[in-house]
Amino acid sequence: MQNNIVIFKELTTEEHLIEIEEQSKQYQGLIVDMNKPNERKKVKESASLINDMLKTLDRARIDKAKDFKSKVEAEAELIRNRLETANKPLTVLIDAHAEEQRKIRDAEKARQDSIQLAFDKMNEAAMSAIGQRAVVIETIIDDLADFDFNPDVFMEQTNKAVTQHAELMQRLSTMLKAQIASEELETRQAEFEEFQRKQKEQEEKAERERLDNEIREQAKIDAEARHAKQLEQAKVDAANAAKQAEIDKQEAIKQAKLEQIAEQQRLADIEAKKQAKLEADKKHVGAIRGAAKDCLIEQGLTEQQSKDIVLAISKGLIKFVTINY
């Protein structure tokens, strides 16, 4: 018998693997009722032994991979494939049972959801009918009339659903009758108010026509009086306008003279400021140049030499030298 287990011999042996594989064959094609706790427990315990070995194998593979990775991976893959193949009949049973339980849970959830949806719809219908017109309440009643409380779905809540539905239909019927009566009363009240409105409109129209006639007569009288007054006022306004025109003319002549005098004074002031600034600039420049000349004299130059140098600097004849004023 060829021994394929070398690296992981402390974890398992070829003989141990063969023994596990032989034991696995007894589960192939085996019919197990996974809904029975004892049989389900036996299958899970058998699968757990191999799963524990797989976990231990992974841990050992990681630990040994640092020294001889390729050999470790090959032997670990061999053991993994044989263990997973040996465990497959058990995992098939476990997975099938889990899928069956999931379907049962999903079906039960869907049943509970449909029941809750029915109760929610009845509660929402009761609330939505409050304050609605009769035609809306009738539509709600028609929608609820087709409710089907299938005992295979509602089971223990069938009687509760049927009772709540009957009570709701009775409440809605009462609300509908009350709303119809209320709307009939509103209609009669609206018709009466419309009659009163039209009667009032006719009375107000007659009153407006009477007032309009009075206003037109008075307006005619007022217009004639205003016309006469306007003619008289026009004469007065013409005389006043002629008088004011003469006053405005004289005032304009006077204002023009004053503006001419002011402009002459403004130009004189500007010229005086220019002269004053020019004199001040000359004094300032002279003072700066005099100070520069004195500094040169202090350095041993003659007064004429100092004047010539300052003048040359002022004229820009000496490069890279300036006088700051």
C-alpha atoms as a PDB file:
ATOM      1  CA  MET A   1       0.000   0.000   0.000  1.00  0.00           C
ATOM      2  CA  GLN A   2       1.433   3.330  -1.097  1.00  0.00           C
ATOM      3  CA  ASN A   3       1.821   5.861   1.691  1.00  0.00           C
ATOM      4  CA  ASN A   4       0.885   9.359   0.406  1.00  0.00           C
ATOM      5  CA  ILE A   5       0.950  10.978   3.840  1.00  0.00           C
ATOM      6  CA  VAL A   6       4.383  12.270   4.792  1.00  0.00           C
ATOM      7  CA  ILE A   7       4.247  15.899   5.880  1.00  0.00           C
ATOM      8  CA  PHE A   8       1.059  15.588   7.905  1.00  0.00           C
ATOM      9  CA  LYS A   9       1.724  12.163   9.403  1.00  0.00           C
ATOM     10  CA  GLU A  10       1.291  13.577  12.916  1.00  0.00           C
ATOM     11  CA  LEU A  11      -2.235  14.718  11.874  1.00  0.00           C
ATOM     12  CA  THR A  12      -3.337  11.528  10.092  1.00  0.00           C
ATOM     13  CA  THR A  13      -2.102   8.445   8.251  1.00  0.00           C
ATOM     14  CA  GLU A  14      -2.936   6.668   5.031  1.00  0.00           C
ATOM     15  CA  GLU A  15      -4.613   3.926   7.074  1.00  0.00           C
ATOM     16  CA  HIS A  16      -6.726   6.477   8.981  1.00  0.00           C
ATOM     17  CA  LEU A  17      -7.863   8.134   5.768  1.00  0.00           C
ATOM     18  CA  ILE A  18      -8.792   4.782   4.228  1.00  0.00           C
ATOM     19  CA  GLU A  19     -10.774   3.979   7.363  1.00  0.00           C
ATOM     20  CA  ILE A  20     -12.653   7.289   7.146  1.00  0.00           C
ATOM     21  CA  GLU A  21     -13.354   6.771   3.446  1.00  0.00           C
ATOM     22  CA  GLU A  22     -14.679   3.260   4.107  1.00  0.00           C
ATOM     23  CA  GLN A  23     -16.934   4.568   6.878  1.00  0.00           C
ATOM     24  CA  SER A  24     -18.210   7.291   4.516  1.00  0.00           C
ATOM     25  CA  LYS A  25     -19.426   4.696   2.027  1.00  0.00           C
ATOM     26  CA  GLN A  26     -22.123   3.585   4.452  1.00  0.00           C
ATOM     27  CA  TYR A  27     -23.820   7.009   4.083  1.00  0.00           C
ATOM     28  CA  GLN A  28     -23.945   6.901   0.278  1.00  0.00           C
ATOM     29  CA  GLY A  29     -27.557   6.353  -0.787  1.00  0.00           C
ATOM     30  CA  LEU A  30     -28.564   6.146   2.881  1.00  0.00           C
ATOM     31  CA  ILE A  31     -32.067   7.463   3.603  1.00  0.00           C
ATOM     32  CA  VAL A  32     -32.010   9.588   6.744  1.00  0.00           C
ATOM     33  CA  ASP A  33     -34.963  11.519   8.187  1.00  0.00           C
ATOM     34  CA  MET A  34     -33.236  14.794   9.032  1.00  0.00           C
ATOM     35  CA  ASN A  35     -36.378  16.016  10.777  1.00  0.00           C
ATOM     36  CA  LYS A  36     -35.755  13.450  13.549  1.00  0.00           C
ATOM     37  CA  PRO A  37     -33.366  14.990  16.123  1.00  0.00           C
ATOM     38  CA  ASN A  38     -31.515  11.695  16.861  1.00  0.00           C
ATOM     39  CA  GLU A  39     -30.799  10.875  13.226  1.00  0.00           C
ATOM     40  CA  ARG A  40     -29.932  14.528  12.412  1.00  0.00           C
ATOM     41  CA  LYS A  41     -27.577  14.629  15.434  1.00  0.00           C
ATOM     42  CA  LYS A  42     -25.766  11.443  14.325  1.00  0.00           C
ATOM     43  CA  VAL A  43     -25.197  12.822  10.812  1.00  0.00           C
ATOM     44  CA  LYS A  44     -23.938  16.173  12.100  1.00  0.00           C
ATOM     45  CA  GLU A  45     -21.590  14.506  14.633  1.00  0.00           C
ATOM     46  CA  SER A  46     -20.125  12.266  11.907  1.00  0.00           C
ATOM     47  CA  ALA A  47     -19.618  15.251   9.632  1.00  0.00           C
ATOM     48  CA  SER A  48     -18.177  17.267  12.539  1.00  0.00           C
ATOM     49  CA  LEU A  49     -15.298  14.790  13.011  1.00  0.00           C
ATOM     50  CA  ILE A  50     -14.153  15.288   9.424  1.00  0.00           C
ATOM     51  CA  ASN A  51     -14.758  19.070   9.582  1.00  0.00           C
ATOM     52  CA  ASP A  52     -12.570  19.283  12.680  1.00  0.00           C
ATOM     53  CA  MET A  53      -9.805  17.403  10.853  1.00  0.00           C
ATOM     54  CA  LEU A  54     -10.165  19.813   7.905  1.00  0.00           C
ATOM     55  CA  LYS A  55      -9.758  22.805  10.241  1.00  0.00           C
ATOM     56  CA  THR A  56      -6.711  21.209  11.874  1.00  0.00           C
ATOM     57  CA  LEU A  57      -5.303  20.454   8.416  1.00  0.00           C
ATOM     58  CA  ASP A  58      -5.649  24.113   7.347  1.00  0.00           C
ATOM     59  CA  ARG A  59      -3.855  25.278  10.473  1.00  0.00           C
ATOM     60  CA  ALA A  60      -1.025  22.757   9.996  1.00  0.00           C
ATOM     61  CA  ARG A  61      -0.772  23.607   6.286  1.00  0.00           C
ATOM     62  CA  ILE A  62      -0.202  27.265   7.120  1.00  0.00           C
ATOM     63  CA  ASP A  63       2.382  26.422   9.796  1.00  0.00           C
ATOM     64  CA  LYS A  64       4.380  24.052   7.563  1.00  0.00           C
ATOM     65  CA  ALA A  65       4.118  26.113   4.370  1.00  0.00           C
ATOM     66  CA  LYS A  66       6.991  28.374   5.354  1.00  0.00           C
ATOM     67  CA  ASP A  67       9.526  25.513   5.026  1.00  0.00           C
ATOM     68  CA  PHE A  68       8.330  23.577   1.972  1.00  0.00           C
ATOM     69  CA  LYS A  69       5.296  25.288   0.503  1.00  0.00           C
ATOM     70  CA  SER A  70       4.760  23.334  -2.746  1.00  0.00           C
ATOM     71  CA  LYS A  71       5.024  19.917  -1.059  1.00  0.00           C
ATOM     72  CA  VAL A  72       2.768  21.042   1.773  1.00  0.00           C
ATOM     73  CA  GLU A  73       0.158  22.383  -0.637  1.00  0.00           C
ATOM     74  CA  ALA A  74       0.148  19.206  -2.763  1.00  0.00           C
ATOM     75  CA  GLU A  75      -0.209  16.857   0.183  1.00  0.00           C
ATOM     76  CA  ALA A  76      -2.745  19.114   1.904  1.00  0.00           C
ATOM     77  CA  GLU A  77      -4.789  19.228  -1.310  1.00  0.00           C
ATOM     78  CA  LEU A  78      -4.681  15.414  -1.520  1.00  0.00           C
ATOM     79  CA  ILE A  79      -5.903  14.999   2.057  1.00  0.00           C
ATOM     80  CA  ARG A  80      -8.503  17.762   1.602  1.00  0.00           C
ATOM     81  CA  ASN A  81      -9.967  16.161  -1.535  1.00  0.00           C
ATOM     82  CA  ARG A  82     -10.182  12.733   0.098  1.00  0.00           C
ATOM     83  CA  LEU A  83     -11.704  14.138   3.308  1.00  0.00           C
ATOM     84  CA  GLU A  84     -14.219  16.317   1.441  1.00  0.00           C
ATOM     85  CA  THR A  85     -15.153  13.346  -0.792  1.00  0.00           C
ATOM     86  CA  ALA A  86     -15.590  11.168   2.287  1.00  0.00           C
ATOM     87  CA  ASN A  87     -17.701  13.860   3.944  1.00  0.00           C
ATOM     88  CA  LYS A  88     -19.842  14.589   0.860  1.00  0.00           C
ATOM     89  CA  PRO A  89     -22.689  12.103   1.632  1.00  0.00           C
ATOM     90  CA  LEU A  90     -23.078  13.731   5.054  1.00  0.00           C
ATOM     91  CA  THR A  91     -22.891  17.323   3.813  1.00  0.00           C
ATOM     92  CA  VAL A  92     -25.464  16.510   1.127  1.00  0.00           C
ATOM     93  CA  LEU A  93     -27.888  15.370   3.821  1.00  0.00           C
ATOM     94  CA  ILE A  94     -27.151  18.419   5.990  1.00  0.00           C
ATOM     95  CA  ASP A  95     -27.448  20.888   3.091  1.00  0.00           C
ATOM     96  CA  ALA A  96     -30.675  19.289   1.839  1.00  0.00           C
ATOM     97  CA  HIS A  97     -32.169  19.520   5.332  1.00  0.00           C
ATOM     98  CA  ALA A  98     -31.067  23.158   5.662  1.00  0.00           C
ATOM     99  CA  GLU A  99     -32.637  23.994   2.279  1.00  0.00           C
ATOM    100  CA  GLU A 100     -35.859  22.239   3.268  1.00  0.00           C
ATOM    101  CA  GLN A 101     -35.996  24.185   6.529  1.00  0.00           C
ATOM    102  CA  ARG A 102     -35.338  27.428   4.663  1.00  0.00           C
ATOM    103  CA  LYS A 103     -38.235  26.763   2.305  1.00  0.00           C
ATOM    104  CA  ILE A 104     -40.492  25.966   5.278  1.00  0.00           C
ATOM    105  CA  ARG A 105     -39.449  29.209   7.006  1.00  0.00           C
ATOM    106  CA  ASP A 106     -39.938  31.236   3.825  1.00  0.00           C
ATOM    107  CA  ALA A 107     -43.375  29.730   3.246  1.00  0.00           C
ATOM    108  CA  GLU A 108     -44.406  30.441   6.837  1.00  0.00           C
ATOM    109  CA  LYS A 109     -43.110  34.012   6.600  1.00  0.00           C
ATOM    110  CA  ALA A 110     -45.033  34.540   3.356  1.00  0.00           C
ATOM    111  CA  ARG A 111     -48.191  33.176   5.013  1.00  0.00           C
ATOM    112  CA  GLN A 112     -47.764  35.432   8.047  1.00  0.00           C
ATOM    113  CA  ASP A 113     -47.047  38.405   5.774  1.00  0.00           C
ATOM    114  CA  SER A 114     -50.213  37.795   3.743  1.00  0.00           C
ATOM    115  CA  ILE A 115     -52.240  37.596   6.955  1.00  0.00           C
ATOM    116  CA  GLN A 116     -50.709  40.796   8.303  1.00  0.00           C
ATOM    117  CA  LEU A 117     -51.275  42.484   4.935  1.00  0.00           C
ATOM    118  CA  ALA A 118     -54.969  41.594   5.109  1.00  0.00           C
ATOM    119  CA  PHE A 119     -55.334  43.016   8.636  1.00  0.00           C
ATOM    120  CA  ASP A 120     -53.321  46.112   7.675  1.00  0.00           C
ATOM    121  CA  LYS A 121     -55.512  46.684   4.631  1.00  0.00           C
ATOM    122  CA  MET A 122     -58.665  46.473   6.735  1.00  0.00           C
ATOM    123  CA  ASN A 123     -57.234  48.896   9.317  1.00  0.00           C
ATOM    124  CA  GLU A 124     -56.085  51.303   6.598  1.00  0.00           C
ATOM    125  CA  ALA A 125     -59.503  51.098   4.930  1.00  0.00           C
ATOM    126  CA  ALA A 126     -61.231  52.011   8.190  1.00  0.00           C
ATOM    127  CA  MET A 127     -58.957  55.020   8.701  1.00  0.00           C
ATOM    128  CA  SER A 128     -59.032  56.194   5.083  1.00  0.00           C
ATOM    129  CA  ALA A 129     -62.856  56.222   5.011  1.00  0.00           C
ATOM    130  CA  ILE A 130     -63.031  58.858   7.768  1.00  0.00           C
ATOM    131  CA  GLY A 131     -64.064  62.244   6.382  1.00  0.00           C
ATOM    132  CA  GLN A 132     -64.463  60.972   2.797  1.00  0.00           C
ATOM    133  CA  ARG A 133     -67.314  61.583   0.379  1.00  0.00           C
ATOM    134  CA  ALA A 134     -69.940  58.873  -0.140  1.00  0.00           C
ATOM    135  CA  VAL A 135     -68.527  57.823  -3.526  1.00  0.00           C
ATOM    136  CA  VAL A 136     -65.117  57.157  -1.938  1.00  0.00           C
ATOM    137  CA  ILE A 137     -66.639  55.136   0.911  1.00  0.00           C
ATOM    138  CA  GLU A 138     -68.572  53.071  -1.632  1.00  0.00           C
ATOM    139  CA  THR A 139     -65.311  52.316  -3.489  1.00  0.00           C
ATOM    140  CA  ILE A 140     -63.652  51.202  -0.229  1.00  0.00           C
ATOM    141  CA  ILE A 141     -66.617  48.932   0.557  1.00  0.00           C
ATOM    142  CA  ASP A 142     -66.435  47.391  -2.939  1.00  0.00           C
ATOM    143  CA  ASP A 143     -62.701  46.705  -2.530  1.00  0.00           C
ATOM    144  CA  LEU A 144     -63.197  45.040   0.870  1.00  0.00           C
ATOM    145  CA  ALA A 145     -66.175  42.951  -0.266  1.00  0.00           C
ATOM    146  CA  ASP A 146     -63.887  40.648  -2.292  1.00  0.00           C
ATOM    147  CA  PHE A 147     -61.657  39.684   0.641  1.00  0.00           C
ATOM    148  CA  ASP A 148     -60.991  35.907   0.749  1.00  0.00           C
ATOM    149  CA  PHE A 149     -60.016  34.519   4.157  1.00  0.00           C
ATOM    150  CA  ASN A 150     -58.693  31.115   3.057  1.00  0.00           C
ATOM    151  CA  PRO A 151     -58.565  28.844   6.149  1.00  0.00           C
ATOM    152  CA  ASP A 152     -55.491  27.098   4.709  1.00  0.00           C
ATOM    153  CA  VAL A 153     -53.677  30.422   4.901  1.00  0.00           C
ATOM    154  CA  PHE A 154     -55.266  32.159   7.919  1.00  0.00           C
ATOM    155  CA  MET A 155     -55.518  28.941   9.971  1.00  0.00           C
ATOM    156  CA  GLU A 156     -56.007  29.887  13.638  1.00  0.00           C
ATOM    157  CA  GLN A 157     -56.660  33.558  12.727  1.00  0.00           C
ATOM    158  CA  THR A 158     -59.486  32.796  10.285  1.00  0.00           C
ATOM    159  CA  ASN A 159     -62.304  33.519  12.768  1.00  0.00           C
ATOM    160  CA  LYS A 160     -60.614  36.723  13.932  1.00  0.00           C
ATOM    161  CA  ALA A 161     -60.189  37.928  10.342  1.00  0.00           C
ATOM    162  CA  VAL A 162     -63.788  37.097   9.359  1.00  0.00           C
ATOM    163  CA  THR A 163     -65.159  38.803  12.498  1.00  0.00           C
ATOM    164  CA  GLN A 164     -63.037  41.927  12.015  1.00  0.00           C
ATOM    165  CA  HIS A 165     -64.050  42.074   8.347  1.00  0.00           C
ATOM    166  CA  ALA A 166     -67.762  41.826   9.205  1.00  0.00           C
ATOM    167  CA  GLU A 167     -67.471  44.540  11.878  1.00  0.00           C
ATOM    168  CA  LEU A 168     -65.553  46.774   9.463  1.00  0.00           C
ATOM    169  CA  MET A 169     -68.160  46.306   6.708  1.00  0.00           C
ATOM    170  CA  GLN A 170     -70.893  47.209   9.221  1.00  0.00           C
ATOM    171  CA  ARG A 171     -69.038  50.368  10.323  1.00  0.00           C
ATOM    172  CA  LEU A 172     -68.424  51.401   6.723  1.00  0.00           C
ATOM    173  CA  SER A 173     -72.096  50.824   5.859  1.00  0.00           C
ATOM    174  CA  THR A 174     -73.125  53.053   8.784  1.00  0.00           C
ATOM    175  CA  MET A 175     -70.600  55.705   7.731  1.00  0.00           C
ATOM    176  CA  LEU A 176     -71.923  55.554   4.143  1.00  0.00           C
ATOM    177  CA  LYS A 177     -75.541  56.100   5.214  1.00  0.00           C
ATOM    178  CA  ALA A 178     -74.536  59.016   7.453  1.00  0.00           C
ATOM    179  CA  GLN A 179     -72.404  60.549   4.698  1.00  0.00           C
ATOM    180  CA  ILE A 180     -75.201  60.219   2.100  1.00  0.00           C
ATOM    181  CA  ALA A 181     -77.599  61.997   4.485  1.00  0.00           C
ATOM    182  CA  SER A 182     -75.005  64.682   5.166  1.00  0.00           C
ATOM    183  CA  GLU A 183     -74.364  65.251   1.454  1.00  0.00           C
ATOM    184  CA  GLU A 184     -78.126  65.471   0.739  1.00  0.00           C
ATOM    185  CA  LEU A 185     -78.398  68.115   3.454  1.00  0.00           C
ATOM    186  CA  GLU A 186     -75.416  69.955   1.957  1.00  0.00           C
ATOM    187  CA  THR A 187     -77.090  69.869  -1.462  1.00  0.00           C
ATOM    188  CA  ARG A 188     -80.345  71.356  -0.137  1.00  0.00           C
ATOM    189  CA  GLN A 189     -78.399  73.966   1.821  1.00  0.00           C
ATOM    190  CA  ALA A 190     -76.356  74.842  -1.284  1.00  0.00           C
ATOM    191  CA  GLU A 191     -79.525  75.190  -3.397  1.00  0.00           C
ATOM    192  CA  PHE A 192     -81.067  77.499  -0.794  1.00  0.00           C
ATOM    193  CA  GLU A 193     -77.894  79.582  -0.594  1.00  0.00           C
ATOM    194  CA  GLU A 194     -77.803  79.800  -4.417  1.00  0.00           C
ATOM    195  CA  PHE A 195     -81.391  81.082  -4.441  1.00  0.00           C
ATOM    196  CA  GLN A 196     -80.524  83.710  -1.820  1.00  0.00           C
ATOM    197  CA  ARG A 197     -77.380  84.685  -3.755  1.00  0.00           C
ATOM    198  CA  LYS A 198     -79.274  85.255  -7.017  1.00  0.00           C
ATOM    199  CA  GLN A 199     -82.014  87.224  -5.249  1.00  0.00           C
ATOM    200  CA  LYS A 200     -79.389  89.393  -3.567  1.00  0.00           C
ATOM    201  CA  GLU A 201     -77.610  89.928  -6.881  1.00  0.00           C
ATOM    202  CA  GLN A 202     -80.842  91.175  -8.491  1.00  0.00           C
ATOM    203  CA  GLU A 203     -81.499  93.604  -5.622  1.00  0.00           C
ATOM    204  CA  GLU A 204     -77.903  94.846  -5.712  1.00  0.00           C
ATOM    205  CA  LYS A 205     -78.088  95.297  -9.498  1.00  0.00           C
ATOM    206  CA  ALA A 206     -81.209  97.449  -9.211  1.00  0.00           C
ATOM    207  CA  GLU A 207     -79.571  99.527  -6.474  1.00  0.00           C
ATOM    208  CA  ARG A 208     -76.407  99.983  -8.547  1.00  0.00           C
ATOM    209  CA  GLU A 209     -78.434 101.179 -11.537  1.00  0.00           C
ATOM    210  CA  ARG A 210     -80.233 103.750  -9.359  1.00  0.00           C
ATOM    211  CA  LEU A 211     -76.964 104.988  -7.890  1.00  0.00           C
ATOM    212  CA  ASP A 212     -75.362 105.109 -11.347  1.00  0.00           C
ATOM    213  CA  ASN A 213     -78.137 107.374 -12.625  1.00  0.00           C
ATOM    214  CA  GLU A 214     -77.728 109.701  -9.650  1.00  0.00           C
ATOM    215  CA  ILE A 215     -73.943 109.728 -10.106  1.00  0.00           C
ATOM    216  CA  ARG A 216     -74.228 110.545 -13.827  1.00  0.00           C
ATOM    217  CA  GLU A 217     -76.580 113.498 -13.136  1.00  0.00           C
ATOM    218  CA  GLN A 218     -74.336 114.827 -10.407  1.00  0.00           C
ATOM    219  CA  ALA A 219     -71.255 114.301 -12.580  1.00  0.00           C
ATOM    220  CA  LYS A 220     -72.839 116.398 -15.335  1.00  0.00           C
ATOM    221  CA  ILE A 221     -73.524 119.227 -12.913  1.00  0.00           C
ATOM    222  CA  ASP A 222     -70.024 118.999 -11.432  1.00  0.00           C
ATOM    223  CA  ALA A 223     -68.414 118.968 -14.895  1.00  0.00           C
ATOM    224  CA  GLU A 224     -70.176 122.181 -15.918  1.00  0.00           C
ATOM    225  CA  ALA A 225     -69.098 123.875 -12.683  1.00  0.00           C
ATOM    226  CA  ARG A 226     -65.504 122.686 -13.108  1.00  0.00           C
ATOM    227  CA  HIS A 227     -65.412 123.948 -16.681  1.00  0.00           C
ATOM    228  CA  ALA A 228     -66.478 127.446 -15.634  1.00  0.00           C
ATOM    229  CA  LYS A 229     -63.996 127.428 -12.798  1.00  0.00           C
ATOM    230  CA  GLN A 230     -61.222 126.186 -15.083  1.00  0.00           C
ATOM    231  CA  LEU A 231     -61.809 129.070 -17.531  1.00  0.00           C
ATOM    232  CA  GLU A 232     -61.505 131.579 -14.721  1.00  0.00           C
ATOM    233  CA  GLN A 233     -58.441 129.852 -13.313  1.00  0.00           C
ATOM    234  CA  ALA A 234     -56.820 129.765 -16.747  1.00  0.00           C
ATOM    235  CA  LYS A 235     -56.979 133.535 -16.937  1.00  0.00           C
ATOM    236  CA  VAL A 236     -55.391 133.898 -13.501  1.00  0.00           C
ATOM    237  CA  ASP A 237     -52.737 131.282 -14.325  1.00  0.00           C
ATOM    238  CA  ALA A 238     -51.803 133.084 -17.558  1.00  0.00           C
ATOM    239  CA  ALA A 239     -51.259 136.359 -15.723  1.00  0.00           C
ATOM    240  CA  ASN A 240     -49.234 134.675 -12.978  1.00  0.00           C
ATOM    241  CA  ALA A 241     -47.172 132.775 -15.525  1.00  0.00           C
ATOM    242  CA  ALA A 242     -46.221 135.975 -17.358  1.00  0.00           C
ATOM    243  CA  LYS A 243     -45.228 137.608 -14.090  1.00  0.00           C
ATOM    244  CA  GLN A 244     -43.229 134.562 -12.973  1.00  0.00           C
ATOM    245  CA  ALA A 245     -41.486 134.336 -16.330  1.00  0.00           C
ATOM    246  CA  GLU A 246     -40.152 137.872 -15.931  1.00  0.00           C
ATOM    247  CA  ILE A 247     -38.994 137.090 -12.380  1.00  0.00           C
ATOM    248  CA  ASP A 248     -37.285 133.905 -13.566  1.00  0.00           C
ATOM    249  CA  LYS A 249     -35.559 135.802 -16.368  1.00  0.00           C
ATOM    250  CA  GLN A 250     -34.097 138.384 -13.996  1.00  0.00           C
ATOM    251  CA  GLU A 251     -33.093 135.681 -11.562  1.00  0.00           C
ATOM    252  CA  ALA A 252     -31.328 133.755 -14.357  1.00  0.00           C
ATOM    253  CA  ILE A 253     -29.364 136.860 -15.379  1.00  0.00           C
ATOM    254  CA  LYS A 254     -28.342 137.436 -11.780  1.00  0.00           C
ATOM    255  CA  GLN A 255     -27.364 133.790 -11.307  1.00  0.00           C
ATOM    256  CA  ALA A 256     -25.275 133.806 -14.492  1.00  0.00           C
ATOM    257  CA  LYS A 257     -23.303 136.811 -13.248  1.00  0.00           C
ATOM    258  CA  LEU A 258     -22.695 135.154  -9.890  1.00  0.00           C
ATOM    259  CA  GLU A 259     -21.532 131.944 -11.585  1.00  0.00           C
ATOM    260  CA  GLN A 260     -19.175 133.961 -13.826  1.00  0.00           C
ATOM    261  CA  ILE A 261     -17.658 135.685 -10.806  1.00  0.00           C
ATOM    262  CA  ALA A 262     -17.335 132.348  -8.973  1.00  0.00           C
ATOM    263  CA  GLU A 263     -15.592 130.740 -11.967  1.00  0.00           C
ATOM    264  CA  GLN A 264     -13.133 133.643 -12.214  1.00  0.00           C
ATOM    265  CA  GLN A 265     -12.388 133.337  -8.517  1.00  0.00           C
ATOM    266  CA  ARG A 266     -11.950 129.535  -8.842  1.00  0.00           C
ATOM    267  CA  LEU A 267      -9.433 129.956 -11.698  1.00  0.00           C
ATOM    268  CA  ALA A 268      -7.559 132.615  -9.703  1.00  0.00           C
ATOM    269  CA  ASP A 269      -7.404 130.278  -6.680  1.00  0.00           C
ATOM    270  CA  ILE A 270      -6.060 127.445  -8.830  1.00  0.00           C
ATOM    271  CA  GLU A 271      -3.357 129.700 -10.271  1.00  0.00           C
ATOM    272  CA  ALA A 272      -2.405 130.958  -6.815  1.00  0.00           C
ATOM    273  CA  LYS A 273      -2.097 127.365  -5.541  1.00  0.00           C
ATOM    274  CA  LYS A 274       0.061 126.437  -8.530  1.00  0.00           C
ATOM    275  CA  GLN A 275       2.405 129.371  -7.838  1.00  0.00           C
ATOM    276  CA  ALA A 276       2.566 128.580  -4.140  1.00  0.00           C
ATOM    277  CA  LYS A 277       3.340 124.917  -4.855  1.00  0.00           C
ATOM    278  CA  LEU A 278       5.984 125.905  -7.408  1.00  0.00           C
ATOM    279  CA  GLU A 279       7.686 128.221  -4.892  1.00  0.00           C
ATOM    280  CA  ALA A 280       7.513 125.536  -2.198  1.00  0.00           C
ATOM    281  CA  ASP A 281       8.990 122.926  -4.567  1.00  0.00           C
ATOM    282  CA  LYS A 282      11.812 125.310  -5.500  1.00  0.00           C
ATOM    283  CA  LYS A 283      12.590 125.933  -1.824  1.00  0.00           C
ATOM    284  CA  HIS A 284      12.452 122.205  -1.046  1.00  0.00           C
ATOM    285  CA  VAL A 285      14.718 121.275  -3.966  1.00  0.00           C
ATOM    286  CA  GLY A 286      17.104 124.070  -3.071  1.00  0.00           C
ATOM    287  CA  ALA A 287      17.244 122.937   0.546  1.00  0.00           C
ATOM    288  CA  ILE A 288      17.924 119.297  -0.435  1.00  0.00           C
ATOM    289  CA  ARG A 289      20.603 120.255  -2.935  1.00  0.00           C
ATOM    290  CA  GLY A 290      22.152 122.673  -0.393  1.00  0.00           C
ATOM    291  CA  ALA A 291      22.303 119.890   2.176  1.00  0.00           C
ATOM    292  CA  ALA A 292      23.914 117.573  -0.394  1.00  0.00           C
ATOM    293  CA  LYS A 293      26.457 120.299  -1.285  1.00  0.00           C
ATOM    294  CA  ASP A 294      27.287 120.822   2.421  1.00  0.00           C
ATOM    295  CA  CYS A 295      27.910 117.071   2.807  1.00  0.00           C
ATOM    296  CA  LEU A 296      30.344 117.138  -0.118  1.00  0.00           C
ATOM    297  CA  ILE A 297      32.145 120.183   1.324  1.00  0.00           C
ATOM    298  CA  GLU A 298      32.484 118.295   4.609  1.00  0.00           C
ATOM    299  CA  GLN A 299      34.230 115.557   2.628  1.00  0.00           C
ATOM    300  CA  GLY A 300      36.919 118.051   1.491  1.00  0.00           C
ATOM    301  CA  LEU A 301      35.558 119.401  -1.801  1.00  0.00           C
ATOM    302  CA  THR A 302      35.366 123.079  -2.624  1.00  0.00           C
ATOM    303  CA  GLU A 303      32.026 124.827  -2.727  1.00  0.00           C
ATOM    304  CA  GLN A 304      32.144 125.156  -6.532  1.00  0.00           C
ATOM    305  CA  GLN A 305      33.093 121.526  -6.961  1.00  0.00           C
ATOM    306  CA  SER A 306      30.227 120.515  -4.615  1.00  0.00           C
ATOM    307  CA  LYS A 307      27.746 122.659  -6.616  1.00  0.00           C
ATOM    308  CA  ASP A 308      28.900 121.148  -9.905  1.00  0.00           C
ATOM    309  CA  ILE A 309      28.577 117.600  -8.605  1.00  0.00           C
ATOM    310  CA  VAL A 310      25.067 118.192  -7.146  1.00  0.00           C
ATOM    311  CA  LEU A 311      23.967 119.826 -10.430  1.00  0.00           C
ATOM    312  CA  ALA A 312      25.386 116.918 -12.459  1.00  0.00           C
ATOM    313  CA  ILE A 313      23.552 114.393 -10.273  1.00  0.00           C
ATOM    314  CA  SER A 314      20.307 116.394 -10.620  1.00  0.00           C
ATOM    315  CA  LYS A 315      20.672 116.334 -14.421  1.00  0.00           C
ATOM    316  CA  GLY A 316      21.282 112.550 -14.394  1.00  0.00           C
ATOM    317  CA  LEU A 317      24.830 112.888 -15.713  1.00  0.00           C
ATOM    318  CA  ILE A 318      26.278 110.625 -13.025  1.00  0.00           C
ATOM    319  CA  LYS A 319      25.039 107.038 -13.457  1.00  0.00           C
ATOM    320  CA  PHE A 320      23.630 105.035 -10.544  1.00  0.00           C
ATOM    321  CA  VAL A 321      23.504 108.180  -8.291  1.00  0.00           C
ATOM    322  CA  THR A 322      20.272 110.079  -7.474  1.00  0.00           C
ATOM    323  CA  ILE A 323      19.050 112.681  -5.014  1.00  0.00           C
ATOM    324  CA  ASN A 324      15.801 111.849  -3.206  1.00  0.00           C
ATOM    325  CA  TYR A 325      13.599 114.905  -2.718  1.00  0.00           C
END
